[in-house]
N, C-alpha and C. Protein backbone atom coordinates (compact mmCIF):
# COMPACT_ATOMS: atom_id res chain seq x y z
N THR A 1 -4.54 86.14 121.40
CA THR A 1 -3.45 86.49 122.30
C THR A 1 -2.72 87.72 121.79
N ARG A 2 -2.13 88.46 122.69
CA ARG A 2 -1.29 89.60 122.32
C ARG A 2 0.15 89.17 122.13
N SER A 3 0.47 87.95 122.53
CA SER A 3 1.84 87.43 122.48
C SER A 3 1.84 86.09 121.76
N PRO A 4 1.89 86.10 120.42
CA PRO A 4 1.85 84.83 119.68
C PRO A 4 2.91 83.82 120.13
N TRP A 5 4.05 84.30 120.60
CA TRP A 5 5.12 83.39 121.00
C TRP A 5 4.70 82.48 122.16
N THR A 6 3.66 82.84 122.91
CA THR A 6 3.23 81.98 124.02
C THR A 6 2.34 80.83 123.56
N LEU A 7 1.85 80.86 122.33
CA LEU A 7 0.93 79.82 121.86
C LEU A 7 1.51 78.41 121.88
N PRO A 8 2.78 78.20 121.53
CA PRO A 8 3.32 76.83 121.66
C PRO A 8 3.35 76.32 123.10
N GLY A 9 3.26 77.20 124.09
CA GLY A 9 3.24 76.81 125.49
C GLY A 9 1.85 76.77 126.09
N ASN A 10 0.82 76.82 125.26
CA ASN A 10 -0.56 76.82 125.75
C ASN A 10 -0.90 75.50 126.41
N VAL A 11 -1.53 75.59 127.61
CA VAL A 11 -1.98 74.36 128.29
C VAL A 11 -3.44 74.43 128.73
N GLY A 12 -4.09 75.58 128.57
CA GLY A 12 -5.48 75.70 128.98
C GLY A 12 -6.16 76.90 128.36
N LEU A 13 -7.48 76.89 128.41
CA LEU A 13 -8.29 78.03 127.99
C LEU A 13 -9.12 78.47 129.19
N ALA A 14 -9.14 79.77 129.44
CA ALA A 14 -9.88 80.30 130.59
C ALA A 14 -11.11 81.05 130.11
N VAL A 15 -12.21 80.87 130.86
CA VAL A 15 -13.46 81.57 130.57
C VAL A 15 -13.99 82.21 131.84
N ASP A 16 -14.94 83.12 131.66
CA ASP A 16 -15.66 83.71 132.78
C ASP A 16 -16.85 82.80 133.05
N LYS A 17 -16.83 82.09 134.17
CA LYS A 17 -17.89 81.11 134.44
C LYS A 17 -19.27 81.76 134.62
N ASN A 18 -19.31 83.07 134.87
CA ASN A 18 -20.58 83.76 135.06
C ASN A 18 -21.11 84.41 133.78
N ALA A 19 -20.36 84.33 132.71
CA ALA A 19 -20.76 84.97 131.45
C ALA A 19 -21.59 84.03 130.58
N LYS A 20 -22.30 84.62 129.65
CA LYS A 20 -23.01 83.85 128.63
C LYS A 20 -22.08 83.71 127.43
N TYR A 21 -22.06 82.54 126.83
CA TYR A 21 -21.27 82.27 125.65
C TYR A 21 -22.20 81.80 124.54
N VAL A 22 -21.75 81.95 123.31
CA VAL A 22 -22.56 81.54 122.17
C VAL A 22 -21.73 80.70 121.20
N GLU A 23 -22.42 79.83 120.53
CA GLU A 23 -21.84 79.10 119.41
C GLU A 23 -22.39 79.79 118.17
N VAL A 24 -21.50 80.23 117.29
CA VAL A 24 -21.92 80.96 116.10
C VAL A 24 -21.41 80.26 114.84
N LYS A 25 -22.13 80.50 113.76
CA LYS A 25 -21.74 79.95 112.47
C LYS A 25 -21.39 81.11 111.55
N ILE A 26 -20.20 81.02 110.95
CA ILE A 26 -19.75 82.00 109.96
C ILE A 26 -19.26 81.21 108.77
N ASP A 27 -19.92 81.39 107.64
CA ASP A 27 -19.61 80.59 106.46
C ASP A 27 -19.66 79.11 106.86
N ASN A 28 -18.54 78.41 106.76
CA ASN A 28 -18.51 76.98 107.12
C ASN A 28 -17.84 76.73 108.46
N GLU A 29 -17.58 77.77 109.23
CA GLU A 29 -16.90 77.65 110.51
C GLU A 29 -17.87 77.80 111.67
N THR A 30 -17.64 77.06 112.73
CA THR A 30 -18.39 77.19 113.97
C THR A 30 -17.42 77.64 115.05
N LEU A 31 -17.77 78.72 115.74
CA LEU A 31 -16.91 79.30 116.77
C LEU A 31 -17.68 79.48 118.07
N ILE A 32 -16.94 79.55 119.17
CA ILE A 32 -17.53 79.86 120.46
C ILE A 32 -16.86 81.11 120.99
N LEU A 33 -17.68 82.04 121.49
CA LEU A 33 -17.16 83.26 122.09
C LEU A 33 -18.19 83.82 123.06
N ALA A 34 -17.76 84.80 123.85
CA ALA A 34 -18.68 85.43 124.81
C ALA A 34 -19.81 86.10 124.04
N GLN A 35 -21.01 86.01 124.57
CA GLN A 35 -22.19 86.55 123.89
C GLN A 35 -22.04 88.04 123.59
N ASN A 36 -21.51 88.81 124.52
CA ASN A 36 -21.39 90.25 124.28
C ASN A 36 -20.19 90.61 123.41
N ARG A 37 -19.47 89.64 122.86
CA ARG A 37 -18.36 89.91 121.94
C ARG A 37 -18.72 89.59 120.50
N THR A 38 -19.99 89.27 120.23
CA THR A 38 -20.38 88.90 118.87
C THR A 38 -20.22 90.05 117.88
N GLU A 39 -20.10 91.29 118.37
CA GLU A 39 -19.93 92.42 117.45
C GLU A 39 -18.60 92.35 116.69
N ILE A 40 -17.66 91.52 117.15
CA ILE A 40 -16.39 91.40 116.42
C ILE A 40 -16.51 90.51 115.19
N ILE A 41 -17.67 89.88 115.03
CA ILE A 41 -17.89 88.97 113.90
C ILE A 41 -19.02 89.49 113.03
N GLU A 42 -18.73 89.63 111.75
CA GLU A 42 -19.76 90.05 110.80
C GLU A 42 -20.53 88.83 110.31
N ASN A 43 -21.82 88.99 110.14
CA ASN A 43 -22.68 87.93 109.59
C ASN A 43 -22.66 86.64 110.40
N ALA A 44 -22.54 86.76 111.71
CA ALA A 44 -22.54 85.57 112.55
C ALA A 44 -23.96 85.15 112.87
N LYS A 45 -24.23 83.88 112.70
CA LYS A 45 -25.54 83.34 113.04
C LYS A 45 -25.39 82.56 114.36
N VAL A 46 -26.11 83.00 115.39
CA VAL A 46 -26.03 82.33 116.69
C VAL A 46 -26.80 81.02 116.63
N LEU A 47 -26.11 79.93 116.93
CA LEU A 47 -26.71 78.60 116.92
C LEU A 47 -27.18 78.17 118.29
N LYS A 48 -26.44 78.62 119.32
CA LYS A 48 -26.72 78.14 120.66
C LYS A 48 -26.16 79.14 121.67
N THR A 49 -26.85 79.31 122.79
CA THR A 49 -26.38 80.15 123.90
C THR A 49 -26.25 79.27 125.13
N PHE A 50 -25.20 79.46 125.91
CA PHE A 50 -25.01 78.67 127.11
C PHE A 50 -24.20 79.45 128.13
N ASN A 51 -24.13 78.94 129.34
CA ASN A 51 -23.38 79.58 130.42
C ASN A 51 -21.91 79.20 130.36
N GLY A 52 -21.06 80.07 130.90
CA GLY A 52 -19.64 79.78 130.96
C GLY A 52 -19.36 78.48 131.70
N THR A 53 -20.16 78.18 132.71
CA THR A 53 -19.97 76.94 133.47
C THR A 53 -20.13 75.70 132.59
N ASP A 54 -20.91 75.83 131.51
CA ASP A 54 -21.11 74.69 130.61
C ASP A 54 -19.83 74.33 129.85
N LEU A 55 -18.90 75.28 129.75
CA LEU A 55 -17.64 75.04 129.04
C LEU A 55 -16.57 74.39 129.90
N LEU A 56 -16.71 74.55 131.22
CA LEU A 56 -15.67 74.09 132.14
C LEU A 56 -15.41 72.59 131.99
N GLY A 57 -14.13 72.26 131.88
CA GLY A 57 -13.73 70.86 131.76
C GLY A 57 -13.68 70.33 130.34
N LEU A 58 -14.28 71.06 129.39
CA LEU A 58 -14.23 70.59 128.00
C LEU A 58 -12.79 70.56 127.52
N GLU A 59 -12.45 69.56 126.75
CA GLU A 59 -11.12 69.45 126.18
C GLU A 59 -11.12 70.04 124.77
N TYR A 60 -9.95 70.48 124.33
CA TYR A 60 -9.82 71.06 122.99
C TYR A 60 -8.52 70.62 122.36
N GLU A 61 -8.46 70.73 121.05
CA GLU A 61 -7.24 70.43 120.32
C GLU A 61 -6.40 71.71 120.27
N PRO A 62 -5.18 71.68 120.82
CA PRO A 62 -4.36 72.89 120.83
C PRO A 62 -3.85 73.24 119.43
N LEU A 63 -3.44 74.49 119.27
CA LEU A 63 -2.87 74.93 118.00
C LEU A 63 -1.56 74.21 117.70
N TYR A 64 -0.79 73.93 118.76
CA TYR A 64 0.51 73.28 118.61
C TYR A 64 0.66 72.16 119.64
N ASN A 65 1.33 71.09 119.22
CA ASN A 65 1.59 69.93 120.10
C ASN A 65 3.08 69.63 120.17
N PHE A 66 3.91 70.64 120.30
CA PHE A 66 5.35 70.43 120.33
C PHE A 66 5.83 69.78 121.63
N ILE A 67 5.20 70.14 122.72
CA ILE A 67 5.65 69.72 124.05
C ILE A 67 4.81 68.54 124.54
N ASN A 68 5.46 67.52 125.05
CA ASN A 68 4.76 66.39 125.67
C ASN A 68 4.59 66.69 127.15
N TYR A 69 3.38 66.59 127.64
CA TYR A 69 3.10 66.88 129.04
C TYR A 69 2.88 65.60 129.82
N ASP A 70 3.23 65.64 131.10
CA ASP A 70 3.11 64.48 131.95
C ASP A 70 1.81 64.47 132.76
N LYS A 71 0.93 65.43 132.47
CA LYS A 71 -0.38 65.46 133.12
C LYS A 71 -1.37 66.09 132.17
N LYS A 72 -2.61 66.08 132.56
CA LYS A 72 -3.68 66.56 131.69
C LYS A 72 -3.49 68.04 131.35
N ALA A 73 -3.69 68.33 130.08
CA ALA A 73 -3.62 69.71 129.56
C ALA A 73 -4.74 69.90 128.55
N HIS A 74 -4.91 71.13 128.12
CA HIS A 74 -5.82 71.50 127.04
C HIS A 74 -7.29 71.25 127.39
N PHE A 75 -7.71 71.90 128.47
CA PHE A 75 -9.11 71.88 128.85
C PHE A 75 -9.50 73.27 129.37
N VAL A 76 -10.79 73.51 129.50
CA VAL A 76 -11.33 74.83 129.84
C VAL A 76 -11.47 74.96 131.36
N ILE A 77 -11.01 76.11 131.88
CA ILE A 77 -11.04 76.38 133.31
C ILE A 77 -11.60 77.79 133.55
N PRO A 78 -12.11 78.05 134.75
CA PRO A 78 -12.61 79.41 135.04
C PRO A 78 -11.49 80.31 135.53
N ALA A 79 -11.59 81.60 135.21
CA ALA A 79 -10.61 82.57 135.70
C ALA A 79 -11.28 83.92 135.90
N ASP A 80 -10.94 84.58 137.01
CA ASP A 80 -11.50 85.89 137.32
C ASP A 80 -10.98 86.99 136.40
N PHE A 81 -9.83 86.78 135.76
CA PHE A 81 -9.22 87.83 134.96
C PHE A 81 -9.69 87.86 133.50
N VAL A 82 -10.60 86.98 133.13
CA VAL A 82 -11.09 86.96 131.75
C VAL A 82 -11.88 88.25 131.49
N SER A 83 -11.50 88.96 130.43
CA SER A 83 -12.17 90.20 130.06
C SER A 83 -13.26 89.93 129.03
N LEU A 84 -14.38 90.58 129.22
CA LEU A 84 -15.46 90.51 128.23
C LEU A 84 -15.53 91.80 127.43
N ASP A 85 -14.50 92.64 127.56
CA ASP A 85 -14.44 93.92 126.86
C ASP A 85 -13.56 93.89 125.63
N GLU A 86 -12.81 92.82 125.43
CA GLU A 86 -11.94 92.70 124.27
C GLU A 86 -11.77 91.23 123.91
N GLY A 87 -11.30 90.97 122.74
CA GLY A 87 -11.08 89.59 122.32
C GLY A 87 -12.36 88.81 122.22
N THR A 88 -12.27 87.52 122.57
CA THR A 88 -13.41 86.61 122.43
C THR A 88 -14.08 86.26 123.76
N GLY A 89 -13.45 86.65 124.87
CA GLY A 89 -13.97 86.24 126.17
C GLY A 89 -13.46 84.86 126.56
N ILE A 90 -12.54 84.33 125.77
CA ILE A 90 -11.85 83.08 126.07
C ILE A 90 -10.36 83.39 126.01
N VAL A 91 -9.65 83.10 127.09
CA VAL A 91 -8.26 83.52 127.21
C VAL A 91 -7.33 82.31 127.13
N HIS A 92 -6.40 82.38 126.21
CA HIS A 92 -5.34 81.37 126.07
C HIS A 92 -4.43 81.45 127.30
N THR A 93 -4.04 80.29 127.83
CA THR A 93 -3.25 80.25 129.05
C THR A 93 -1.96 79.47 128.83
N ALA A 94 -0.84 80.16 129.04
CA ALA A 94 0.50 79.56 128.99
C ALA A 94 1.12 79.78 130.36
N VAL A 95 1.02 78.80 131.24
CA VAL A 95 1.32 79.00 132.66
C VAL A 95 2.75 79.39 132.97
N MET A 96 3.68 79.14 132.08
CA MET A 96 5.08 79.46 132.36
C MET A 96 5.45 80.89 131.96
N TYR A 97 4.49 81.66 131.40
CA TYR A 97 4.85 82.96 130.85
C TYR A 97 3.91 84.09 131.26
N GLY A 98 3.45 84.05 132.46
CA GLY A 98 2.63 85.14 132.98
C GLY A 98 2.21 84.82 134.41
N GLU A 99 2.23 85.83 135.27
CA GLU A 99 1.93 85.61 136.67
C GLU A 99 0.52 85.07 136.89
N GLU A 100 -0.48 85.70 136.25
CA GLU A 100 -1.86 85.23 136.42
C GLU A 100 -2.02 83.82 135.86
N ASP A 101 -1.41 83.56 134.72
CA ASP A 101 -1.48 82.23 134.12
C ASP A 101 -0.83 81.20 135.04
N PHE A 102 0.31 81.54 135.64
CA PHE A 102 1.01 80.62 136.52
C PHE A 102 0.15 80.26 137.74
N GLU A 103 -0.44 81.29 138.34
CA GLU A 103 -1.29 81.04 139.51
C GLU A 103 -2.50 80.19 139.14
N LEU A 104 -3.07 80.44 137.97
CA LEU A 104 -4.19 79.63 137.49
C LEU A 104 -3.75 78.18 137.26
N GLY A 105 -2.56 78.02 136.71
CA GLY A 105 -2.01 76.69 136.49
C GLY A 105 -1.80 75.92 137.78
N LYS A 106 -1.34 76.61 138.83
CA LYS A 106 -1.19 75.96 140.13
C LYS A 106 -2.55 75.53 140.68
N LYS A 107 -3.52 76.42 140.56
CA LYS A 107 -4.86 76.14 141.09
C LYS A 107 -5.50 74.92 140.44
N PHE A 108 -5.29 74.75 139.12
CA PHE A 108 -5.94 73.67 138.38
C PHE A 108 -4.98 72.56 137.97
N ASP A 109 -3.79 72.56 138.57
CA ASP A 109 -2.79 71.52 138.35
C ASP A 109 -2.47 71.32 136.86
N LEU A 110 -2.30 72.42 136.16
CA LEU A 110 -1.91 72.35 134.75
C LEU A 110 -0.42 72.03 134.66
N PRO A 111 0.02 71.38 133.59
CA PRO A 111 1.44 71.05 133.47
C PRO A 111 2.30 72.31 133.34
N LYS A 112 3.47 72.25 133.94
CA LYS A 112 4.40 73.38 133.91
C LYS A 112 5.69 72.93 133.23
N LYS A 113 5.76 73.17 131.95
CA LYS A 113 6.93 72.78 131.16
C LYS A 113 7.23 73.89 130.16
N HIS A 114 8.47 74.28 130.09
CA HIS A 114 8.86 75.39 129.21
C HIS A 114 8.93 75.01 127.73
N SER A 115 8.47 75.93 126.90
CA SER A 115 8.67 75.83 125.45
C SER A 115 9.76 76.83 125.03
N VAL A 116 10.28 77.57 126.00
CA VAL A 116 11.28 78.62 125.78
C VAL A 116 12.40 78.43 126.80
N ASN A 117 13.65 78.66 126.39
CA ASN A 117 14.76 78.54 127.34
C ASN A 117 15.02 79.88 128.04
N GLU A 118 16.00 79.92 128.93
CA GLU A 118 16.28 81.12 129.71
C GLU A 118 16.87 82.27 128.89
N LYS A 119 17.25 82.00 127.65
CA LYS A 119 17.72 83.06 126.75
C LYS A 119 16.57 83.68 125.96
N GLY A 120 15.35 83.16 126.18
CA GLY A 120 14.20 83.66 125.44
C GLY A 120 14.07 83.06 124.06
N GLN A 121 14.69 81.91 123.86
CA GLN A 121 14.64 81.21 122.57
C GLN A 121 13.78 79.96 122.71
N PHE A 122 13.12 79.59 121.63
CA PHE A 122 12.34 78.37 121.66
C PHE A 122 13.25 77.16 121.85
N VAL A 123 12.77 76.19 122.63
CA VAL A 123 13.51 74.95 122.86
C VAL A 123 13.47 74.09 121.60
N ASP A 124 14.31 73.06 121.56
CA ASP A 124 14.43 72.21 120.38
C ASP A 124 13.12 71.57 119.94
N GLU A 125 12.23 71.24 120.90
CA GLU A 125 10.96 70.59 120.56
C GLU A 125 10.06 71.48 119.70
N VAL A 126 10.22 72.78 119.82
CA VAL A 126 9.41 73.72 119.02
C VAL A 126 10.12 73.86 117.67
N THR A 127 10.04 72.79 116.90
CA THR A 127 10.87 72.60 115.71
C THR A 127 10.88 73.74 114.69
N PRO A 128 9.76 74.35 114.35
CA PRO A 128 9.86 75.38 113.31
C PRO A 128 10.68 76.60 113.73
N TRP A 129 10.71 76.85 115.04
CA TRP A 129 11.36 78.08 115.53
C TRP A 129 12.42 77.79 116.59
N ALA A 130 12.90 76.56 116.67
CA ALA A 130 13.90 76.17 117.67
C ALA A 130 15.10 77.10 117.61
N GLY A 131 15.51 77.59 118.79
CA GLY A 131 16.68 78.47 118.89
C GLY A 131 16.42 79.92 118.53
N MET A 132 15.22 80.25 118.09
CA MET A 132 14.89 81.62 117.68
C MET A 132 14.36 82.41 118.88
N PHE A 133 14.80 83.68 119.00
CA PHE A 133 14.26 84.55 120.04
C PHE A 133 12.76 84.70 119.80
N VAL A 134 11.98 84.55 120.85
CA VAL A 134 10.53 84.45 120.71
C VAL A 134 9.88 85.66 120.05
N LYS A 135 10.34 86.85 120.35
CA LYS A 135 9.71 88.04 119.76
C LYS A 135 9.97 88.10 118.24
N LYS A 136 11.09 87.54 117.79
CA LYS A 136 11.35 87.48 116.35
C LYS A 136 10.46 86.43 115.68
N ALA A 137 10.01 85.47 116.46
CA ALA A 137 9.16 84.40 115.92
C ALA A 137 7.70 84.83 115.80
N ASP A 138 7.29 85.89 116.52
CA ASP A 138 5.88 86.31 116.49
C ASP A 138 5.30 86.38 115.08
N PRO A 139 5.93 87.12 114.14
CA PRO A 139 5.33 87.19 112.80
C PRO A 139 5.31 85.85 112.08
N LEU A 140 6.27 84.99 112.37
CA LEU A 140 6.30 83.66 111.74
C LEU A 140 5.19 82.77 112.28
N ILE A 141 4.89 82.91 113.56
CA ILE A 141 3.79 82.15 114.15
C ILE A 141 2.46 82.61 113.56
N ILE A 142 2.29 83.90 113.44
CA ILE A 142 1.07 84.44 112.83
C ILE A 142 0.94 83.93 111.39
N GLU A 143 2.02 83.96 110.64
CA GLU A 143 2.02 83.47 109.26
C GLU A 143 1.67 81.97 109.23
N ASP A 144 2.22 81.19 110.15
CA ASP A 144 1.93 79.76 110.22
C ASP A 144 0.45 79.52 110.48
N LEU A 145 -0.13 80.28 111.42
CA LEU A 145 -1.55 80.13 111.72
C LEU A 145 -2.41 80.52 110.52
N GLU A 146 -2.01 81.58 109.81
CA GLU A 146 -2.74 81.97 108.60
C GLU A 146 -2.70 80.87 107.55
N GLU A 147 -1.52 80.30 107.32
CA GLU A 147 -1.37 79.24 106.32
C GLU A 147 -2.22 78.02 106.66
N LYS A 148 -2.33 77.71 107.94
CA LYS A 148 -3.11 76.55 108.39
C LYS A 148 -4.59 76.88 108.56
N LYS A 149 -4.95 78.12 108.24
CA LYS A 149 -6.33 78.60 108.37
C LYS A 149 -6.84 78.47 109.82
N LEU A 150 -5.95 78.77 110.76
CA LEU A 150 -6.28 78.72 112.19
C LEU A 150 -6.33 80.11 112.81
N LEU A 151 -6.11 81.13 112.01
CA LEU A 151 -6.14 82.50 112.51
C LEU A 151 -7.46 83.13 112.11
N PHE A 152 -8.24 83.51 113.11
CA PHE A 152 -9.53 84.12 112.82
C PHE A 152 -9.39 85.58 112.47
N LYS A 153 -8.58 86.31 113.25
CA LYS A 153 -8.45 87.74 113.03
C LYS A 153 -7.09 88.21 113.49
N LYS A 154 -6.50 89.12 112.73
CA LYS A 154 -5.21 89.71 113.07
C LYS A 154 -5.39 91.22 113.06
N GLU A 155 -4.95 91.85 114.14
CA GLU A 155 -5.03 93.30 114.20
C GLU A 155 -3.95 93.83 115.13
N GLU A 156 -3.59 95.09 114.94
CA GLU A 156 -2.64 95.76 115.82
C GLU A 156 -3.37 96.21 117.07
N ILE A 157 -2.81 95.87 118.21
CA ILE A 157 -3.37 96.29 119.49
C ILE A 157 -2.27 97.01 120.26
N LYS A 158 -2.56 98.20 120.69
CA LYS A 158 -1.58 98.94 121.47
C LYS A 158 -1.79 98.59 122.94
N HIS A 159 -0.74 98.06 123.56
CA HIS A 159 -0.80 97.73 124.98
C HIS A 159 0.60 97.84 125.56
N THR A 160 0.67 97.90 126.87
CA THR A 160 1.97 98.02 127.51
C THR A 160 2.70 96.68 127.46
N TYR A 161 4.00 96.76 127.34
CA TYR A 161 4.84 95.57 127.34
C TYR A 161 6.11 95.94 128.09
N PRO A 162 6.63 95.03 128.92
CA PRO A 162 7.81 95.38 129.71
C PRO A 162 9.09 95.37 128.87
N PHE A 163 9.91 96.39 129.07
CA PHE A 163 11.21 96.49 128.42
C PHE A 163 12.26 96.78 129.48
N CYS A 164 13.46 96.30 129.25
CA CYS A 164 14.57 96.56 130.15
C CYS A 164 14.87 98.06 130.14
N TRP A 165 14.95 98.66 131.31
CA TRP A 165 15.19 100.10 131.39
C TRP A 165 16.63 100.44 130.99
N ARG A 166 17.53 99.46 131.01
CA ARG A 166 18.93 99.73 130.65
C ARG A 166 19.20 99.61 129.16
N CYS A 167 18.75 98.50 128.56
CA CYS A 167 19.10 98.25 127.15
C CYS A 167 17.94 98.34 126.19
N GLY A 168 16.71 98.44 126.72
CA GLY A 168 15.55 98.61 125.85
C GLY A 168 15.03 97.35 125.20
N THR A 169 15.55 96.18 125.58
CA THR A 169 15.07 94.94 124.98
C THR A 169 13.80 94.45 125.69
N PRO A 170 12.94 93.70 124.97
CA PRO A 170 11.72 93.20 125.61
C PRO A 170 12.05 92.21 126.72
N LEU A 171 11.27 92.25 127.77
CA LEU A 171 11.42 91.31 128.88
C LEU A 171 10.34 90.24 128.78
N LEU A 172 10.68 89.05 129.18
CA LEU A 172 9.74 87.95 129.15
C LEU A 172 9.42 87.52 130.57
N TYR A 173 8.14 87.30 130.85
CA TYR A 173 7.76 86.67 132.11
C TYR A 173 8.12 85.20 131.97
N TYR A 174 8.90 84.69 132.91
CA TYR A 174 9.46 83.34 132.78
C TYR A 174 9.47 82.69 134.14
N ALA A 175 8.67 81.65 134.34
CA ALA A 175 8.61 80.97 135.63
C ALA A 175 9.88 80.17 135.89
N LEU A 176 10.41 80.35 137.07
CA LEU A 176 11.62 79.59 137.47
C LEU A 176 11.30 78.71 138.66
């Protein structure tokens, strides 16, 4: 993800149902990614190749379980916006913090519950960062993932991000 602060609000993973995906082995880890994204991994041994449709409906263990949901979450769904030109070809989905994610959540009846309040701070359930402005929490979330050995790769990516034209502060997409 380009926005680590959205990870506590993750409710689904999106794939390109028409793409080929691979299961690869690196040291003692097994990972799944789009077949044409294997160049991001050094010394990867391909164990298995399959279609994106084979992933649909599979459940996964989320990085964080701070929020209790009242309906099914944390499963793989298809999305037209999945890019095979960057990342892994698997897109983390936090339906309350992005227009495309929200529409995907409506389509697949994903739970819609905030992990962030209207001030842009994490809610009390997100215990390590409760009350903290989300953009300030980004480096702490990355550090937490590193400590738990859940971070595969960290790199700087230059991309556009919305800022208030008046005060210059970052804007958050926030479903109301």
